[in-house]
């Protein structure tokens, strides 16, 4: 039995063959250093929006019919969840 090569997740698109390798054949995945850096940068933006006094739709407010209501910061995911 041959060992499946890992699929590296980066900041670019995946090829259909890579998706199939993971979804159908159980190929392992790896996160590139570039993708980890991009996720950290995105998380920093969300953290800043959560602590901002201004409402930000879907971050510090509800969605859909409830956007005017402010979500308590205790509902926001903690940085340790990342």
N, C-alpha and C. Protein backbone atom coordinates (compact mmCIF):
# COMPACT_ATOMS: atom_id res chain seq x y z
N UNK A 1 0.84 -1.18 0.00
CA UNK A 1 0.00 0.00 0.00
C UNK A 1 0.88 1.24 0.00
N UNK A 2 0.68 2.12 -0.96
CA UNK A 2 1.50 3.32 -1.04
C UNK A 2 0.96 4.40 -0.10
N UNK A 3 1.88 5.17 0.44
CA UNK A 3 1.50 6.24 1.35
C UNK A 3 1.12 7.47 0.54
N UNK A 4 -0.03 8.09 0.89
CA UNK A 4 -0.49 9.27 0.17
C UNK A 4 0.37 10.48 0.50
N UNK A 5 0.66 11.26 -0.51
CA UNK A 5 1.42 12.49 -0.32
C UNK A 5 0.51 13.55 0.31
N UNK A 6 1.02 14.33 1.24
CA UNK A 6 0.18 15.38 1.84
C UNK A 6 -0.14 16.48 0.83
N UNK A 7 -1.32 17.06 1.00
CA UNK A 7 -1.74 18.20 0.20
C UNK A 7 -1.44 19.45 1.03
N UNK A 8 -0.68 20.37 0.46
CA UNK A 8 -0.32 21.59 1.17
C UNK A 8 -1.35 22.67 0.88
N UNK A 9 -1.93 23.19 1.96
CA UNK A 9 -2.88 24.29 1.86
C UNK A 9 -2.09 25.59 2.00
N UNK A 10 -2.18 26.43 0.98
CA UNK A 10 -1.49 27.71 1.00
C UNK A 10 -2.53 28.81 0.83
N UNK A 11 -2.16 29.94 0.31
CA UNK A 11 -3.10 31.04 0.14
C UNK A 11 -3.73 31.06 -1.25
N UNK A 12 -3.31 30.17 -2.11
CA UNK A 12 -3.86 30.10 -3.47
C UNK A 12 -4.93 29.04 -3.56
N UNK A 13 -5.49 28.88 -4.75
CA UNK A 13 -6.55 27.89 -4.93
C UNK A 13 -6.01 26.46 -4.89
N UNK A 14 -6.89 25.54 -4.56
CA UNK A 14 -6.56 24.12 -4.63
C UNK A 14 -6.92 23.60 -6.01
N UNK A 15 -6.20 22.63 -6.47
CA UNK A 15 -6.51 21.97 -7.73
C UNK A 15 -7.57 20.91 -7.45
N UNK A 16 -8.44 20.63 -8.41
CA UNK A 16 -9.46 19.59 -8.19
C UNK A 16 -8.85 18.26 -7.74
N UNK A 17 -7.70 17.91 -8.29
CA UNK A 17 -7.05 16.65 -7.91
C UNK A 17 -6.66 16.64 -6.44
N UNK A 18 -6.29 17.81 -5.89
CA UNK A 18 -5.93 17.89 -4.48
C UNK A 18 -7.15 17.69 -3.59
N UNK A 19 -8.26 18.30 -3.98
CA UNK A 19 -9.50 18.14 -3.22
C UNK A 19 -9.92 16.67 -3.23
N UNK A 20 -9.86 16.04 -4.38
CA UNK A 20 -10.22 14.62 -4.51
C UNK A 20 -9.30 13.75 -3.67
N UNK A 21 -8.02 14.06 -3.68
CA UNK A 21 -7.07 13.27 -2.90
C UNK A 21 -7.42 13.28 -1.41
N UNK A 22 -7.84 14.45 -0.91
CA UNK A 22 -8.20 14.56 0.51
C UNK A 22 -9.58 13.97 0.76
N UNK A 23 -10.58 14.38 -0.04
CA UNK A 23 -11.97 13.99 0.21
C UNK A 23 -12.24 12.51 -0.04
N UNK A 24 -11.67 11.98 -1.10
CA UNK A 24 -11.99 10.59 -1.46
C UNK A 24 -10.96 9.58 -0.99
N UNK A 25 -9.72 10.03 -0.87
CA UNK A 25 -8.65 9.07 -0.58
C UNK A 25 -7.98 9.30 0.78
N UNK A 26 -8.42 10.32 1.50
CA UNK A 26 -7.90 10.55 2.85
C UNK A 26 -6.48 11.07 2.91
N UNK A 27 -6.04 11.74 1.86
CA UNK A 27 -4.68 12.30 1.89
C UNK A 27 -4.55 13.29 3.05
N UNK A 28 -3.43 13.29 3.73
CA UNK A 28 -3.23 14.25 4.83
C UNK A 28 -3.04 15.66 4.26
N UNK A 29 -3.27 16.65 5.10
CA UNK A 29 -3.04 18.04 4.68
C UNK A 29 -1.98 18.67 5.56
N UNK A 30 -1.33 19.66 5.01
CA UNK A 30 -0.36 20.48 5.73
C UNK A 30 -0.70 21.93 5.45
N UNK A 31 -0.51 22.79 6.43
CA UNK A 31 -0.69 24.22 6.24
C UNK A 31 0.67 24.85 6.00
N UNK A 32 0.77 25.63 4.93
CA UNK A 32 2.04 26.30 4.63
C UNK A 32 2.29 27.43 5.62
N UNK A 33 3.53 27.84 5.73
CA UNK A 33 3.87 28.97 6.58
C UNK A 33 3.14 30.23 6.10
N UNK A 34 3.00 30.36 4.78
CA UNK A 34 2.29 31.51 4.20
C UNK A 34 0.83 31.52 4.64
N UNK A 35 0.17 30.36 4.66
CA UNK A 35 -1.24 30.32 5.06
C UNK A 35 -1.39 30.60 6.55
N UNK A 36 -0.48 30.10 7.38
CA UNK A 36 -0.54 30.38 8.81
C UNK A 36 -0.35 31.86 9.09
N UNK A 37 0.53 32.50 8.36
CA UNK A 37 0.75 33.94 8.50
C UNK A 37 -0.48 34.72 8.08
N UNK A 38 -1.10 34.33 6.97
CA UNK A 38 -2.31 35.01 6.49
C UNK A 38 -3.45 34.86 7.49
N UNK A 39 -3.58 33.68 8.09
CA UNK A 39 -4.63 33.47 9.10
C UNK A 39 -4.39 34.33 10.33
N UNK A 40 -3.14 34.45 10.75
CA UNK A 40 -2.81 35.29 11.90
C UNK A 40 -3.13 36.76 11.61
N UNK A 41 -2.83 37.21 10.41
CA UNK A 41 -3.14 38.59 10.03
C UNK A 41 -4.65 38.83 10.02
N UNK A 42 -5.41 37.87 9.48
CA UNK A 42 -6.87 37.99 9.45
C UNK A 42 -7.43 38.00 10.86
N UNK A 43 -6.90 37.15 11.71
CA UNK A 43 -7.37 37.08 13.09
C UNK A 43 -7.12 38.40 13.81
N UNK A 44 -5.99 39.04 13.56
CA UNK A 44 -5.68 40.33 14.18
C UNK A 44 -6.70 41.39 13.76
N UNK A 45 -7.13 41.36 12.51
CA UNK A 45 -8.15 42.31 12.04
C UNK A 45 -9.46 42.09 12.79
N UNK A 46 -9.89 40.84 12.91
CA UNK A 46 -11.14 40.53 13.61
C UNK A 46 -11.03 40.91 15.08
N UNK A 47 -9.92 40.60 15.71
CA UNK A 47 -9.73 40.98 17.13
C UNK A 47 -9.86 42.48 17.31
N UNK A 48 -9.30 43.27 16.39
CA UNK A 48 -9.38 44.72 16.47
C UNK A 48 -10.81 45.21 16.28
N UNK A 49 -11.56 44.58 15.37
CA UNK A 49 -12.94 44.97 15.14
C UNK A 49 -13.82 44.65 16.35
N UNK A 50 -13.57 43.54 17.00
CA UNK A 50 -14.36 43.13 18.15
C UNK A 50 -14.21 44.12 19.30
N UNK A 51 -13.02 44.66 19.47
CA UNK A 51 -12.78 45.58 20.59
C UNK A 51 -13.04 47.03 20.24
N UNK A 52 -13.36 47.31 18.97
CA UNK A 52 -13.65 48.67 18.53
C UNK A 52 -15.02 49.10 19.07
N UNK A 53 -15.17 50.38 19.37
CA UNK A 53 -16.45 50.90 19.87
C UNK A 53 -17.52 50.95 18.79
N UNK A 54 -17.13 51.01 17.53
CA UNK A 54 -18.10 51.07 16.44
C UNK A 54 -18.62 49.67 16.13
N UNK A 55 -19.91 49.57 15.76
CA UNK A 55 -20.44 48.25 15.38
C UNK A 55 -19.91 47.83 14.00
N UNK A 56 -19.62 46.57 13.87
CA UNK A 56 -19.15 46.01 12.59
C UNK A 56 -20.02 44.80 12.28
N UNK A 57 -20.80 44.92 11.20
CA UNK A 57 -21.78 43.90 10.84
C UNK A 57 -21.17 42.51 10.83
N UNK A 58 -21.79 41.61 11.55
CA UNK A 58 -21.36 40.22 11.58
C UNK A 58 -20.17 39.94 12.47
N UNK A 59 -19.54 40.97 13.00
CA UNK A 59 -18.41 40.78 13.90
C UNK A 59 -18.85 41.16 15.31
N UNK A 60 -19.31 42.39 15.46
CA UNK A 60 -19.78 42.83 16.78
C UNK A 60 -21.30 43.05 16.79
N UNK A 61 -21.97 42.68 15.71
CA UNK A 61 -23.43 42.76 15.64
C UNK A 61 -23.96 41.42 15.18
N UNK A 62 -25.27 41.31 15.18
CA UNK A 62 -25.90 40.10 14.67
C UNK A 62 -25.90 40.10 13.15
N UNK A 63 -26.52 39.06 12.59
CA UNK A 63 -26.67 38.93 11.14
C UNK A 63 -28.14 39.08 10.77
N UNK A 64 -28.41 39.36 9.51
CA UNK A 64 -29.78 39.36 9.00
C UNK A 64 -30.66 40.38 9.68
N UNK A 65 -31.75 39.92 10.29
CA UNK A 65 -32.73 40.81 10.91
C UNK A 65 -32.23 41.45 12.19
N UNK A 66 -31.14 40.98 12.75
CA UNK A 66 -30.68 41.51 14.03
C UNK A 66 -29.40 42.33 13.98
N UNK A 67 -28.98 42.89 12.83
CA UNK A 67 -27.71 43.63 12.83
C UNK A 67 -27.68 44.85 13.74
N UNK A 68 -28.81 45.53 14.01
CA UNK A 68 -28.69 46.68 14.89
C UNK A 68 -28.29 46.32 16.32
N UNK A 69 -28.54 45.09 16.74
CA UNK A 69 -28.19 44.72 18.11
C UNK A 69 -26.71 44.39 18.21
N UNK A 70 -26.09 44.89 19.25
CA UNK A 70 -24.66 44.66 19.45
C UNK A 70 -24.47 43.36 20.21
N UNK A 71 -23.59 42.52 19.71
CA UNK A 71 -23.26 41.27 20.38
C UNK A 71 -22.27 41.58 21.48
N UNK A 72 -22.45 40.97 22.65
CA UNK A 72 -21.48 41.20 23.72
C UNK A 72 -20.12 40.62 23.34
N UNK A 73 -19.06 41.28 23.77
CA UNK A 73 -17.72 40.80 23.42
C UNK A 73 -17.45 39.44 24.00
N UNK A 74 -18.21 39.05 25.03
CA UNK A 74 -18.03 37.71 25.59
C UNK A 74 -18.46 36.63 24.62
N UNK A 75 -19.22 36.99 23.57
CA UNK A 75 -19.64 36.02 22.56
C UNK A 75 -18.57 35.82 21.49
N UNK A 76 -17.63 36.73 21.44
CA UNK A 76 -16.59 36.65 20.41
C UNK A 76 -15.63 35.52 20.75
N UNK A 77 -15.14 34.81 19.72
CA UNK A 77 -14.17 33.74 19.99
C UNK A 77 -12.89 34.32 20.56
N UNK A 78 -12.29 33.57 21.46
CA UNK A 78 -11.04 34.05 22.06
C UNK A 78 -9.87 33.76 21.13
N UNK A 79 -8.79 34.49 21.33
CA UNK A 79 -7.60 34.30 20.50
C UNK A 79 -7.04 32.90 20.66
N UNK A 80 -7.28 32.28 21.81
CA UNK A 80 -6.75 30.93 22.02
C UNK A 80 -7.47 29.89 21.19
N UNK A 81 -8.65 30.25 20.62
CA UNK A 81 -9.38 29.31 19.78
C UNK A 81 -8.72 29.15 18.42
N UNK A 82 -7.87 30.09 18.03
CA UNK A 82 -7.22 30.04 16.71
C UNK A 82 -6.07 29.08 16.70
